[in-house]
């Protein structure tokens, strides 16, 4: 489920507790926990509704002043079902963020990360990519994805998908522009690359200090 900025902000401040989506098949389930991009939410209920019968109360809970405003925002096949998703903000951190800031890696942690990265490399029809992507982000933090993708010879969409896989392992952090290695990523770099400890220390310093 995509959480646009309007929805993220409303969930965060508590003014939005409903969302409406036009889907061929539902993409969330009741009881599921999902990342919004700024936090976590729990989905409380998922129901199919008649879009012409949505109440004014539900429109307000979804952050809309009128049914026309909702219709303007609705994407997808006009013949698809409309789902009413009840949700609320969870006051707990994104597990990926917790993992990303865990820099105390054991030998077993390092071996496990290596194994996961090897699986990603082996599954790629374009060949190994994880080491080059981590290196590109390490050497060029806060650089736009389009430029980084060119530097490793990949289309932007594939590069961004690859970075999401690294983020799921807690190795990278998304910035307003581009990416950085997370504390966990820096610790992995220090443990696995030649002169890695010195490089990780250098890369972890604020840009103004380099």
N, C-alpha and C. Protein backbone atom coordinates (compact mmCIF):
# COMPACT_ATOMS: atom_id res chain seq x y z
N UNK A 1 0.85 -1.19 0.00
CA UNK A 1 0.00 0.00 0.00
C UNK A 1 0.88 1.23 0.00
N UNK A 2 0.55 2.15 -0.86
CA UNK A 2 1.31 3.41 -0.95
C UNK A 2 0.75 4.42 0.04
N UNK A 3 1.65 5.03 0.82
CA UNK A 3 1.26 6.06 1.77
C UNK A 3 1.77 7.41 1.26
N UNK A 4 0.91 8.14 0.56
CA UNK A 4 1.30 9.45 0.06
C UNK A 4 1.52 10.41 1.23
N UNK A 5 2.19 11.54 0.96
CA UNK A 5 2.56 12.46 2.03
C UNK A 5 1.36 12.94 2.82
N UNK A 6 0.26 13.24 2.12
CA UNK A 6 -0.95 13.69 2.81
C UNK A 6 -1.41 12.67 3.83
N UNK A 7 -1.38 11.39 3.43
CA UNK A 7 -1.82 10.31 4.32
C UNK A 7 -0.83 10.11 5.46
N UNK A 8 0.46 10.16 5.14
CA UNK A 8 1.48 10.01 6.20
C UNK A 8 1.30 11.06 7.29
N UNK A 9 1.15 12.31 6.84
CA UNK A 9 1.04 13.41 7.81
C UNK A 9 -0.20 13.26 8.67
N UNK A 10 -1.32 12.88 8.03
CA UNK A 10 -2.56 12.74 8.78
C UNK A 10 -2.53 11.60 9.77
N UNK A 11 -1.91 10.49 9.39
CA UNK A 11 -1.75 9.37 10.32
C UNK A 11 -0.87 9.78 11.48
N UNK A 12 0.21 10.50 11.17
CA UNK A 12 1.16 10.89 12.19
C UNK A 12 0.53 11.80 13.23
N UNK A 13 -0.31 12.76 12.81
CA UNK A 13 -0.90 13.68 13.79
C UNK A 13 -2.26 13.22 14.29
N UNK A 14 -2.71 12.05 13.83
CA UNK A 14 -3.94 11.46 14.34
C UNK A 14 -5.22 11.95 13.70
N UNK A 15 -5.13 12.80 12.67
CA UNK A 15 -6.35 13.33 12.05
C UNK A 15 -6.92 12.38 10.99
N UNK A 16 -6.13 11.40 10.56
CA UNK A 16 -6.61 10.43 9.56
C UNK A 16 -6.56 9.03 10.16
N UNK A 17 -7.70 8.35 10.11
CA UNK A 17 -7.79 6.98 10.62
C UNK A 17 -8.43 6.04 9.59
N UNK A 18 -8.71 6.57 8.40
CA UNK A 18 -9.26 5.76 7.32
C UNK A 18 -8.54 6.07 6.02
N UNK A 19 -8.46 5.08 5.14
CA UNK A 19 -7.96 5.30 3.79
C UNK A 19 -8.86 4.52 2.83
N UNK A 20 -8.98 5.02 1.63
CA UNK A 20 -9.77 4.33 0.60
C UNK A 20 -8.86 4.04 -0.58
N UNK A 21 -8.98 2.82 -1.11
CA UNK A 21 -8.16 2.41 -2.24
C UNK A 21 -9.00 1.63 -3.23
N UNK A 22 -8.70 1.83 -4.52
CA UNK A 22 -9.34 1.06 -5.59
C UNK A 22 -8.35 -0.01 -6.03
N UNK A 23 -8.64 -1.27 -5.69
CA UNK A 23 -7.75 -2.39 -5.96
C UNK A 23 -8.50 -3.54 -6.62
N UNK A 24 -7.81 -4.27 -7.46
CA UNK A 24 -8.37 -5.52 -7.99
C UNK A 24 -8.36 -6.59 -6.91
N UNK A 25 -7.29 -6.62 -6.11
CA UNK A 25 -7.21 -7.50 -4.94
C UNK A 25 -6.65 -6.68 -3.79
N UNK A 26 -7.07 -6.98 -2.57
CA UNK A 26 -6.62 -6.16 -1.44
C UNK A 26 -5.13 -6.36 -1.20
N UNK A 27 -4.49 -5.30 -0.77
CA UNK A 27 -3.03 -5.29 -0.59
C UNK A 27 -2.60 -5.22 0.86
N UNK A 28 -3.55 -5.13 1.76
CA UNK A 28 -3.25 -5.17 3.20
C UNK A 28 -4.27 -6.08 3.86
N UNK A 29 -3.96 -6.52 5.07
CA UNK A 29 -4.88 -7.39 5.81
C UNK A 29 -5.10 -6.82 7.20
N UNK A 30 -6.27 -7.08 7.76
CA UNK A 30 -6.57 -6.64 9.12
C UNK A 30 -5.59 -7.29 10.09
N UNK A 31 -5.05 -6.47 10.98
CA UNK A 31 -4.07 -6.95 11.94
C UNK A 31 -2.64 -6.79 11.49
N UNK A 32 -2.44 -6.45 10.20
CA UNK A 32 -1.09 -6.29 9.68
C UNK A 32 -0.45 -4.99 10.10
N UNK A 33 0.88 -5.00 10.25
CA UNK A 33 1.66 -3.81 10.55
C UNK A 33 2.40 -3.40 9.28
N UNK A 34 2.37 -2.09 8.96
CA UNK A 34 2.94 -1.62 7.70
C UNK A 34 3.74 -0.34 7.91
N UNK A 35 4.76 -0.17 7.09
CA UNK A 35 5.59 1.03 7.13
C UNK A 35 4.96 2.11 6.27
N UNK A 36 4.91 3.32 6.79
CA UNK A 36 4.35 4.43 6.02
C UNK A 36 5.43 5.26 5.34
N UNK A 37 6.66 5.11 5.77
CA UNK A 37 7.74 5.98 5.31
C UNK A 37 8.18 6.93 6.40
N UNK A 38 7.29 7.18 7.37
CA UNK A 38 7.64 8.02 8.52
C UNK A 38 7.38 7.31 9.83
N UNK A 39 6.79 6.12 9.77
CA UNK A 39 6.47 5.38 10.98
C UNK A 39 5.79 4.07 10.64
N UNK A 40 5.07 3.54 11.61
CA UNK A 40 4.39 2.27 11.45
C UNK A 40 2.90 2.45 11.73
N UNK A 41 2.08 1.66 11.03
CA UNK A 41 0.64 1.66 11.29
C UNK A 41 0.17 0.22 11.46
N UNK A 42 -0.97 0.09 12.16
CA UNK A 42 -1.67 -1.18 12.24
C UNK A 42 -2.98 -1.03 11.49
N UNK A 43 -3.28 -1.99 10.62
CA UNK A 43 -4.56 -2.00 9.92
C UNK A 43 -5.57 -2.72 10.80
N UNK A 44 -6.65 -2.04 11.13
CA UNK A 44 -7.66 -2.61 12.03
C UNK A 44 -8.76 -3.34 11.29
N UNK A 45 -9.09 -2.90 10.09
CA UNK A 45 -10.15 -3.55 9.32
C UNK A 45 -10.01 -3.21 7.85
N UNK A 46 -10.42 -4.14 7.00
CA UNK A 46 -10.42 -3.93 5.54
C UNK A 46 -11.77 -4.39 5.02
N UNK A 47 -12.52 -3.47 4.40
CA UNK A 47 -13.86 -3.79 3.92
C UNK A 47 -14.07 -3.25 2.51
N UNK A 48 -14.84 -3.97 1.72
CA UNK A 48 -15.25 -3.48 0.40
C UNK A 48 -16.49 -2.60 0.58
N UNK A 49 -16.48 -1.42 -0.04
CA UNK A 49 -17.57 -0.47 0.14
C UNK A 49 -18.07 0.04 -1.21
N UNK A 50 -19.27 0.57 -1.18
CA UNK A 50 -19.83 1.25 -2.33
C UNK A 50 -19.30 2.69 -2.32
N UNK A 51 -18.54 3.10 -3.33
CA UNK A 51 -17.94 4.44 -3.30
C UNK A 51 -18.98 5.55 -3.28
N UNK A 52 -20.20 5.27 -3.75
CA UNK A 52 -21.24 6.29 -3.75
C UNK A 52 -21.97 6.38 -2.41
N UNK A 53 -21.62 5.48 -1.48
CA UNK A 53 -22.31 5.46 -0.20
C UNK A 53 -21.37 5.77 0.97
N UNK A 54 -20.20 6.33 0.68
CA UNK A 54 -19.27 6.67 1.77
C UNK A 54 -19.82 7.87 2.53
N UNK A 55 -19.90 7.73 3.84
CA UNK A 55 -20.50 8.77 4.67
C UNK A 55 -19.58 9.98 4.81
N UNK A 56 -20.19 11.11 5.18
CA UNK A 56 -19.40 12.33 5.42
C UNK A 56 -18.44 12.12 6.58
N UNK A 57 -18.87 11.35 7.58
CA UNK A 57 -17.99 11.08 8.72
C UNK A 57 -16.75 10.32 8.28
N UNK A 58 -16.94 9.32 7.39
CA UNK A 58 -15.79 8.56 6.91
C UNK A 58 -14.90 9.41 6.01
N UNK A 59 -15.50 10.29 5.23
CA UNK A 59 -14.69 11.19 4.40
C UNK A 59 -13.78 12.04 5.28
N UNK A 60 -14.33 12.56 6.38
CA UNK A 60 -13.52 13.38 7.28
C UNK A 60 -12.40 12.56 7.91
N UNK A 61 -12.72 11.32 8.29
CA UNK A 61 -11.70 10.45 8.90
C UNK A 61 -10.59 10.12 7.90
N UNK A 62 -10.91 10.20 6.61
CA UNK A 62 -9.91 9.94 5.57
C UNK A 62 -9.21 11.23 5.13
N UNK A 63 -9.60 12.36 5.71
CA UNK A 63 -8.93 13.62 5.41
C UNK A 63 -9.50 14.37 4.22
N UNK A 64 -10.74 14.07 3.83
CA UNK A 64 -11.35 14.72 2.68
C UNK A 64 -12.55 15.57 3.10
N UNK A 65 -12.71 16.69 2.41
CA UNK A 65 -13.84 17.57 2.69
C UNK A 65 -15.09 17.13 1.95
N UNK A 66 -14.92 16.41 0.84
CA UNK A 66 -16.07 16.01 0.04
C UNK A 66 -15.78 14.73 -0.73
N UNK A 67 -16.85 14.12 -1.23
CA UNK A 67 -16.69 12.92 -2.06
C UNK A 67 -15.95 13.23 -3.35
N UNK A 68 -16.15 14.45 -3.87
CA UNK A 68 -15.43 14.84 -5.09
C UNK A 68 -13.93 14.85 -4.86
N UNK A 69 -13.50 15.34 -3.69
CA UNK A 69 -12.07 15.35 -3.38
C UNK A 69 -11.52 13.94 -3.32
N UNK A 70 -12.27 13.03 -2.73
CA UNK A 70 -11.83 11.63 -2.68
C UNK A 70 -11.73 11.05 -4.09
N UNK A 71 -12.74 11.27 -4.91
CA UNK A 71 -12.74 10.71 -6.27
C UNK A 71 -11.55 11.22 -7.08
N UNK A 72 -11.16 12.47 -6.88
CA UNK A 72 -10.01 13.02 -7.60
C UNK A 72 -8.71 12.29 -7.21
N UNK A 73 -8.66 11.80 -5.97
CA UNK A 73 -7.46 11.13 -5.49
C UNK A 73 -7.43 9.64 -5.81
N UNK A 74 -8.57 9.05 -6.12
CA UNK A 74 -8.65 7.61 -6.31
C UNK A 74 -7.98 7.21 -7.62
N UNK A 75 -7.05 6.28 -7.52
CA UNK A 75 -6.34 5.80 -8.70
C UNK A 75 -6.77 4.37 -9.03
N UNK A 76 -6.31 3.88 -10.16
CA UNK A 76 -6.58 2.51 -10.52
C UNK A 76 -7.78 2.37 -11.45
N UNK A 77 -8.11 1.13 -11.74
CA UNK A 77 -9.20 0.80 -12.65
C UNK A 77 -10.53 1.27 -12.06
N UNK A 78 -11.29 2.10 -12.78
CA UNK A 78 -12.57 2.58 -12.26
C UNK A 78 -13.56 1.45 -11.96
N UNK A 79 -13.35 0.29 -12.59
CA UNK A 79 -14.24 -0.85 -12.35
C UNK A 79 -13.79 -1.72 -11.18
N UNK A 80 -12.62 -1.41 -10.61
CA UNK A 80 -12.11 -2.21 -9.49
C UNK A 80 -12.89 -1.90 -8.22
N UNK A 81 -12.81 -2.81 -7.26
CA UNK A 81 -13.48 -2.63 -5.99
C UNK A 81 -12.83 -1.49 -5.19
N UNK A 82 -13.65 -0.85 -4.36
CA UNK A 82 -13.13 0.18 -3.47
C UNK A 82 -13.06 -0.40 -2.06
N UNK A 83 -11.87 -0.28 -1.47
CA UNK A 83 -11.64 -0.82 -0.13
C UNK A 83 -11.55 0.32 0.88
N UNK A 84 -12.18 0.11 2.02
CA UNK A 84 -12.11 1.01 3.17
C UNK A 84 -11.14 0.39 4.17
N UNK A 85 -10.05 1.10 4.45
CA UNK A 85 -9.01 0.58 5.35
C UNK A 85 -8.99 1.42 6.62
N UNK A 86 -9.34 0.80 7.74
CA UNK A 86 -9.25 1.47 9.04
C UNK A 86 -7.87 1.19 9.62
N UNK A 87 -7.20 2.24 10.09
CA UNK A 87 -5.83 2.06 10.58
C UNK A 87 -5.51 3.08 11.67
N UNK A 88 -4.43 2.83 12.37
CA UNK A 88 -3.96 3.80 13.36
C UNK A 88 -2.46 3.71 13.49
N UNK A 89 -1.87 4.81 13.94
CA UNK A 89 -0.43 4.90 14.10
C UNK A 89 0.03 4.01 15.25
N UNK A 90 1.15 3.37 15.06
CA UNK A 90 1.78 2.60 16.12
C UNK A 90 2.92 3.41 16.72
N UNK A 91 2.92 3.52 18.02
CA UNK A 91 3.99 4.26 18.69
C UNK A 91 5.16 3.33 18.98
N UNK A 92 5.71 2.80 17.91
CA UNK A 92 6.89 1.94 18.01
C UNK A 92 7.73 2.17 16.78
N UNK A 93 9.04 2.00 16.89
CA UNK A 93 9.92 2.28 15.75
C UNK A 93 9.79 1.23 14.65
N UNK A 94 10.15 1.65 13.46
CA UNK A 94 10.25 0.73 12.34
C UNK A 94 11.36 -0.28 12.65
N UNK A 95 11.07 -1.59 12.62
CA UNK A 95 12.11 -2.58 12.92
C UNK A 95 13.35 -2.42 12.05
N UNK A 96 13.17 -1.94 10.81
CA UNK A 96 14.34 -1.74 9.94
C UNK A 96 15.23 -0.64 10.49
N UNK A 97 14.63 0.39 11.10
CA UNK A 97 15.41 1.48 11.67
C UNK A 97 16.20 0.99 12.87
N UNK A 98 15.54 0.18 13.70
CA UNK A 98 16.24 -0.38 14.87
C UNK A 98 17.42 -1.22 14.41
N UNK A 99 17.20 -2.06 13.41
CA UNK A 99 18.28 -2.90 12.89
C UNK A 99 19.39 -2.05 12.31
N UNK A 100 19.04 -1.00 11.55
CA UNK A 100 20.04 -0.17 10.89
C UNK A 100 20.97 0.51 11.88
N UNK A 101 20.49 0.79 13.08
CA UNK A 101 21.31 1.49 14.07
C UNK A 101 22.02 0.55 15.04
N UNK A 102 21.90 -0.74 14.80
CA UNK A 102 22.62 -1.73 15.61
C UNK A 102 23.98 -1.98 14.96
N UNK A 103 25.00 -1.36 15.51
CA UNK A 103 26.33 -1.46 14.92
C UNK A 103 27.23 -2.45 15.65
N UNK A 104 26.70 -3.13 16.65
CA UNK A 104 27.50 -4.09 17.41
C UNK A 104 27.39 -5.47 16.77
N UNK A 105 28.17 -5.66 15.72
CA UNK A 105 28.08 -6.89 14.95
C UNK A 105 29.01 -7.96 15.52
N UNK A 106 28.45 -9.15 15.71
CA UNK A 106 29.26 -10.31 16.07
C UNK A 106 29.79 -10.95 14.79
N UNK A 107 30.69 -11.89 14.96
CA UNK A 107 31.19 -12.63 13.80
C UNK A 107 30.04 -13.35 13.09
N UNK A 108 29.08 -13.83 13.89
CA UNK A 108 27.92 -14.52 13.31
C UNK A 108 27.06 -13.53 12.53
N UNK A 109 26.93 -12.30 13.04
CA UNK A 109 26.16 -11.28 12.31
C UNK A 109 26.80 -11.00 10.96
N UNK A 110 28.12 -10.81 10.96
CA UNK A 110 28.83 -10.52 9.72
C UNK A 110 28.67 -11.66 8.72
N UNK A 111 28.81 -12.89 9.21
CA UNK A 111 28.65 -14.05 8.33
C UNK A 111 27.24 -14.13 7.78
N UNK A 112 26.25 -13.80 8.62
CA UNK A 112 24.86 -13.83 8.16
C UNK A 112 24.58 -12.79 7.10
N UNK A 113 25.14 -11.58 7.27
CA UNK A 113 24.96 -10.54 6.26
C UNK A 113 25.63 -10.94 4.95
N UNK A 114 26.83 -11.48 5.05
CA UNK A 114 27.53 -11.95 3.84
C UNK A 114 26.68 -12.97 3.09
N UNK A 115 26.06 -13.88 3.84
CA UNK A 115 25.26 -14.92 3.22
C UNK A 115 24.04 -14.32 2.52
N UNK A 116 23.38 -13.35 3.17
CA UNK A 116 22.21 -12.72 2.58
C UNK A 116 22.59 -11.94 1.31
N UNK A 117 23.73 -11.24 1.37
CA UNK A 117 24.18 -10.49 0.20
C UNK A 117 24.53 -11.44 -0.95
N UNK A 118 25.13 -12.57 -0.62
CA UNK A 118 25.47 -13.55 -1.66
C UNK A 118 24.21 -14.08 -2.33
N UNK A 119 23.16 -14.27 -1.55
CA UNK A 119 21.89 -14.73 -2.12
C UNK A 119 21.31 -13.70 -3.08
N UNK A 120 21.39 -12.42 -2.69
CA UNK A 120 20.91 -11.37 -3.57
C UNK A 120 21.71 -11.33 -4.87
N UNK A 121 23.02 -11.47 -4.76
CA UNK A 121 23.87 -11.49 -5.94
C UNK A 121 23.53 -12.67 -6.85
N UNK A 122 23.38 -13.84 -6.24
CA UNK A 122 23.13 -15.05 -7.02
C UNK A 122 21.76 -15.02 -7.70
N UNK A 123 20.81 -14.30 -7.10
CA UNK A 123 19.46 -14.24 -7.66
C UNK A 123 19.32 -13.20 -8.76
N UNK A 124 20.35 -12.37 -8.96
CA UNK A 124 20.25 -11.28 -9.92
C UNK A 124 20.57 -11.75 -11.33
N UNK A 125 19.68 -11.50 -12.29
CA UNK A 125 19.98 -11.87 -13.68
C UNK A 125 21.08 -11.01 -14.29
N UNK A 126 21.41 -9.89 -13.63
CA UNK A 126 22.45 -8.99 -14.13
C UNK A 126 23.81 -9.26 -13.48
N UNK A 127 23.87 -10.26 -12.62
CA UNK A 127 25.12 -10.57 -11.95
C UNK A 127 25.25 -9.86 -10.62
N UNK A 128 26.36 -10.10 -9.91
CA UNK A 128 26.55 -9.52 -8.58
C UNK A 128 26.48 -8.00 -8.59
N UNK A 129 25.83 -7.44 -7.58
CA UNK A 129 25.65 -5.99 -7.53
C UNK A 129 25.81 -5.40 -6.12
N UNK A 130 25.75 -6.24 -5.09
CA UNK A 130 25.66 -5.70 -3.73
C UNK A 130 26.91 -4.92 -3.33
N UNK A 131 28.08 -5.46 -3.61
CA UNK A 131 29.32 -4.79 -3.20
C UNK A 131 29.46 -3.44 -3.91
N UNK A 132 29.18 -3.40 -5.22
CA UNK A 132 29.31 -2.16 -5.97
C UNK A 132 28.32 -1.11 -5.47
N UNK A 133 27.11 -1.54 -5.12
CA UNK A 133 26.09 -0.60 -4.65
C UNK A 133 26.45 -0.05 -3.29
N UNK A 134 26.88 -0.91 -2.38
CA UNK A 134 27.31 -0.44 -1.06
C UNK A 134 28.49 0.53 -1.19
N UNK A 135 29.42 0.22 -2.08
CA UNK A 135 30.58 1.08 -2.27
C UNK A 135 30.17 2.44 -2.84
N UNK A 136 29.25 2.43 -3.80
CA UNK A 136 28.80 3.68 -4.41
C UNK A 136 28.13 4.57 -3.36
N UNK A 137 27.31 4.00 -2.50
CA UNK A 137 26.63 4.78 -1.47
C UNK A 137 27.64 5.26 -0.43
N UNK A 138 28.59 4.41 -0.07
CA UNK A 138 29.60 4.78 0.92
C UNK A 138 30.44 5.96 0.45
N UNK A 139 30.85 5.92 -0.81
CA UNK A 139 31.73 6.96 -1.34
C UNK A 139 30.99 8.22 -1.75
N UNK A 140 29.67 8.09 -2.00
CA UNK A 140 28.92 9.26 -2.48
C UNK A 140 27.59 9.39 -1.74
N UNK A 141 27.66 9.65 -0.44
CA UNK A 141 26.41 9.82 0.32
C UNK A 141 25.64 11.05 -0.14
N UNK A 142 24.32 10.98 -0.01
CA UNK A 142 23.43 12.11 -0.34
C UNK A 142 23.48 12.50 -1.81
N UNK A 143 23.83 11.56 -2.67
CA UNK A 143 23.82 11.79 -4.11
C UNK A 143 22.55 11.16 -4.69
N UNK A 144 21.91 11.83 -5.61
CA UNK A 144 20.63 11.37 -6.16
C UNK A 144 20.75 9.97 -6.76
N UNK A 145 19.67 9.20 -6.62
CA UNK A 145 19.65 7.82 -7.10
C UNK A 145 19.96 7.73 -8.59
N UNK A 146 19.49 8.69 -9.37
CA UNK A 146 19.73 8.66 -10.82
C UNK A 146 21.22 8.68 -11.11
N UNK A 147 21.96 9.53 -10.40
CA UNK A 147 23.40 9.64 -10.63
C UNK A 147 24.13 8.40 -10.14
N UNK A 148 23.73 7.88 -8.98
CA UNK A 148 24.36 6.67 -8.47
C UNK A 148 24.09 5.48 -9.39
N UNK A 149 22.87 5.41 -9.91
CA UNK A 149 22.54 4.31 -10.82
C UNK A 149 23.44 4.32 -12.05
N UNK A 150 23.67 5.51 -12.59
CA UNK A 150 24.56 5.63 -13.74
C UNK A 150 25.96 5.16 -13.40
N UNK A 151 26.40 5.46 -12.19
CA UNK A 151 27.78 5.13 -11.80
C UNK A 151 28.00 3.63 -11.71
N UNK A 152 26.94 2.86 -11.49
CA UNK A 152 27.09 1.40 -11.41
C UNK A 152 26.48 0.71 -12.63
N UNK A 153 26.05 1.52 -13.62
CA UNK A 153 25.56 0.96 -14.87
C UNK A 153 24.22 0.27 -14.79
N UNK A 154 23.30 0.82 -13.97
CA UNK A 154 21.98 0.23 -13.84
C UNK A 154 20.90 1.26 -14.11
N UNK A 155 19.74 0.83 -14.62
CA UNK A 155 18.59 1.73 -14.71
C UNK A 155 18.19 2.19 -13.30
N UNK A 156 17.65 3.38 -13.21
CA UNK A 156 17.31 3.96 -11.92
C UNK A 156 16.34 3.07 -11.13
N UNK A 157 15.32 2.52 -11.79
CA UNK A 157 14.32 1.74 -11.06
C UNK A 157 14.92 0.47 -10.48
N UNK A 158 15.83 -0.16 -11.23
CA UNK A 158 16.47 -1.38 -10.72
C UNK A 158 17.42 -1.03 -9.58
N UNK A 159 18.15 0.08 -9.72
CA UNK A 159 19.06 0.50 -8.65
C UNK A 159 18.27 0.77 -7.36
N UNK A 160 17.17 1.48 -7.46
CA UNK A 160 16.37 1.79 -6.28
C UNK A 160 15.80 0.51 -5.65
N UNK A 161 15.40 -0.42 -6.48
CA UNK A 161 14.90 -1.70 -5.95
C UNK A 161 16.02 -2.44 -5.22
N UNK A 162 17.22 -2.40 -5.78
CA UNK A 162 18.36 -3.04 -5.12
C UNK A 162 18.64 -2.39 -3.76
N UNK A 163 18.58 -1.06 -3.71
CA UNK A 163 18.85 -0.37 -2.45
C UNK A 163 17.80 -0.73 -1.41
N UNK A 164 16.56 -0.92 -1.84
CA UNK A 164 15.52 -1.34 -0.89
C UNK A 164 15.87 -2.69 -0.26
N UNK A 165 16.47 -3.57 -1.05
CA UNK A 165 16.89 -4.87 -0.51
C UNK A 165 17.99 -4.68 0.53
N UNK A 166 18.91 -3.75 0.29
CA UNK A 166 19.97 -3.47 1.27
C UNK A 166 19.39 -2.82 2.52
N UNK A 167 18.39 -1.96 2.32
CA UNK A 167 17.74 -1.32 3.46
C UNK A 167 17.05 -2.34 4.34
N UNK A 168 16.46 -3.37 3.72
CA UNK A 168 15.78 -4.42 4.48
C UNK A 168 16.76 -5.19 5.36
N UNK A 169 18.03 -5.19 4.98
CA UNK A 169 19.07 -5.83 5.80
C UNK A 169 19.65 -4.87 6.82
N UNK A 170 19.16 -3.62 6.84
CA UNK A 170 19.64 -2.64 7.80
C UNK A 170 20.95 -1.99 7.43
N UNK A 171 21.35 -2.06 6.15
CA UNK A 171 22.67 -1.58 5.76
C UNK A 171 22.67 -0.15 5.21
N UNK A 172 21.52 0.36 4.82
CA UNK A 172 21.46 1.70 4.24
C UNK A 172 20.34 2.51 4.88
N UNK A 173 20.44 3.83 4.73
CA UNK A 173 19.42 4.76 5.19
C UNK A 173 19.04 5.68 4.03
N UNK A 174 17.76 5.91 3.85
CA UNK A 174 17.31 6.85 2.83
C UNK A 174 17.41 8.27 3.37
N UNK A 175 17.88 9.19 2.53
CA UNK A 175 17.99 10.59 2.89
C UNK A 175 17.00 11.40 2.05
N UNK A 176 16.90 12.70 2.30
CA UNK A 176 16.03 13.54 1.46
C UNK A 176 16.48 13.45 0.02
N UNK A 177 17.80 13.39 -0.18
CA UNK A 177 18.38 13.13 -1.49
C UNK A 177 19.37 11.99 -1.31
N UNK A 178 19.19 10.93 -2.05
CA UNK A 178 20.15 9.84 -2.02
C UNK A 178 20.09 8.99 -0.77
N UNK A 179 21.23 8.39 -0.44
CA UNK A 179 21.30 7.41 0.63
C UNK A 179 22.60 7.58 1.41
N UNK A 180 22.67 6.91 2.55
CA UNK A 180 23.90 6.76 3.30
C UNK A 180 23.97 5.33 3.83
N UNK A 181 25.18 4.89 4.13
CA UNK A 181 25.29 3.64 4.87
C UNK A 181 24.80 3.89 6.30
N UNK A 182 24.08 2.95 6.85
CA UNK A 182 23.63 3.03 8.23
C UNK A 182 24.79 2.70 9.16
N UNK A 183 24.63 2.94 10.46
CA UNK A 183 25.66 2.48 11.40
C UNK A 183 25.96 0.99 11.24
N UNK A 184 24.93 0.20 10.99
CA UNK A 184 25.16 -1.23 10.76
C UNK A 184 25.94 -1.45 9.47
N UNK A 185 25.61 -0.70 8.43
CA UNK A 185 26.33 -0.82 7.18
C UNK A 185 27.79 -0.42 7.30
N UNK A 186 28.03 0.65 8.07
CA UNK A 186 29.41 1.08 8.30
C UNK A 186 30.19 0.03 9.09
N UNK A 187 29.52 -0.59 10.07
CA UNK A 187 30.18 -1.64 10.86
C UNK A 187 30.50 -2.85 9.98
N UNK A 188 29.59 -3.16 9.06
CA UNK A 188 29.85 -4.27 8.14
C UNK A 188 31.01 -3.94 7.22
N UNK A 189 31.05 -2.70 6.73
CA UNK A 189 32.16 -2.26 5.89
C UNK A 189 33.49 -2.38 6.64
N UNK A 190 33.48 -1.96 7.90
CA UNK A 190 34.70 -2.00 8.71
C UNK A 190 35.19 -3.43 8.90
N UNK A 191 34.24 -4.37 8.96
CA UNK A 191 34.60 -5.75 9.26
C UNK A 191 34.98 -6.57 8.03
N UNK A 192 34.65 -6.07 6.83
CA UNK A 192 34.78 -6.94 5.66
C UNK A 192 35.61 -6.38 4.52
N UNK A 193 36.06 -5.14 4.60
CA UNK A 193 36.83 -4.58 3.48
C UNK A 193 38.23 -4.22 3.93
N UNK A 194 39.20 -4.25 3.01
CA UNK A 194 40.55 -3.85 3.35
C UNK A 194 40.58 -2.44 3.91
N UNK A 195 41.23 -2.28 5.05
CA UNK A 195 41.31 -0.97 5.71
C UNK A 195 39.92 -0.43 5.99
N UNK A 196 38.98 -1.35 6.23
CA UNK A 196 37.59 -0.96 6.39
C UNK A 196 37.33 -0.10 7.60
N UNK A 197 38.01 -0.35 8.71
CA UNK A 197 37.78 0.43 9.92
C UNK A 197 38.11 1.90 9.69
N UNK A 198 39.23 2.17 9.01
CA UNK A 198 39.60 3.57 8.75
C UNK A 198 38.60 4.22 7.81
N UNK A 199 38.20 3.50 6.76
CA UNK A 199 37.24 4.06 5.81
C UNK A 199 35.89 4.32 6.47
N UNK A 200 35.44 3.38 7.29
CA UNK A 200 34.15 3.55 7.96
C UNK A 200 34.17 4.75 8.89
N UNK A 201 35.28 4.94 9.58
CA UNK A 201 35.41 6.10 10.47
C UNK A 201 35.35 7.39 9.67
N UNK A 202 36.02 7.41 8.53
CA UNK A 202 36.02 8.60 7.69
C UNK A 202 34.62 8.89 7.15
N UNK A 203 33.93 7.83 6.70
CA UNK A 203 32.62 8.00 6.10
C UNK A 203 31.56 8.38 7.12
N UNK A 204 31.78 8.06 8.39
CA UNK A 204 30.79 8.35 9.40
C UNK A 204 30.88 9.78 9.91
N UNK A 205 31.96 10.51 9.55
CA UNK A 205 32.09 11.89 10.00
C UNK A 205 31.17 12.80 9.19
N UNK A 206 30.68 13.89 9.79
CA UNK A 206 29.85 14.85 9.04
C UNK A 206 30.57 15.34 7.81
N UNK A 207 29.79 15.61 6.76
CA UNK A 207 30.39 16.02 5.47
C UNK A 207 31.29 17.24 5.66
N UNK A 208 30.91 18.19 6.48
CA UNK A 208 31.69 19.42 6.66
C UNK A 208 33.05 19.15 7.26
N UNK A 209 33.20 18.00 7.96
CA UNK A 209 34.46 17.70 8.60
C UNK A 209 35.41 16.96 7.71
N UNK A 210 34.97 16.53 6.50
CA UNK A 210 35.84 15.71 5.65
C UNK A 210 36.78 16.60 4.85
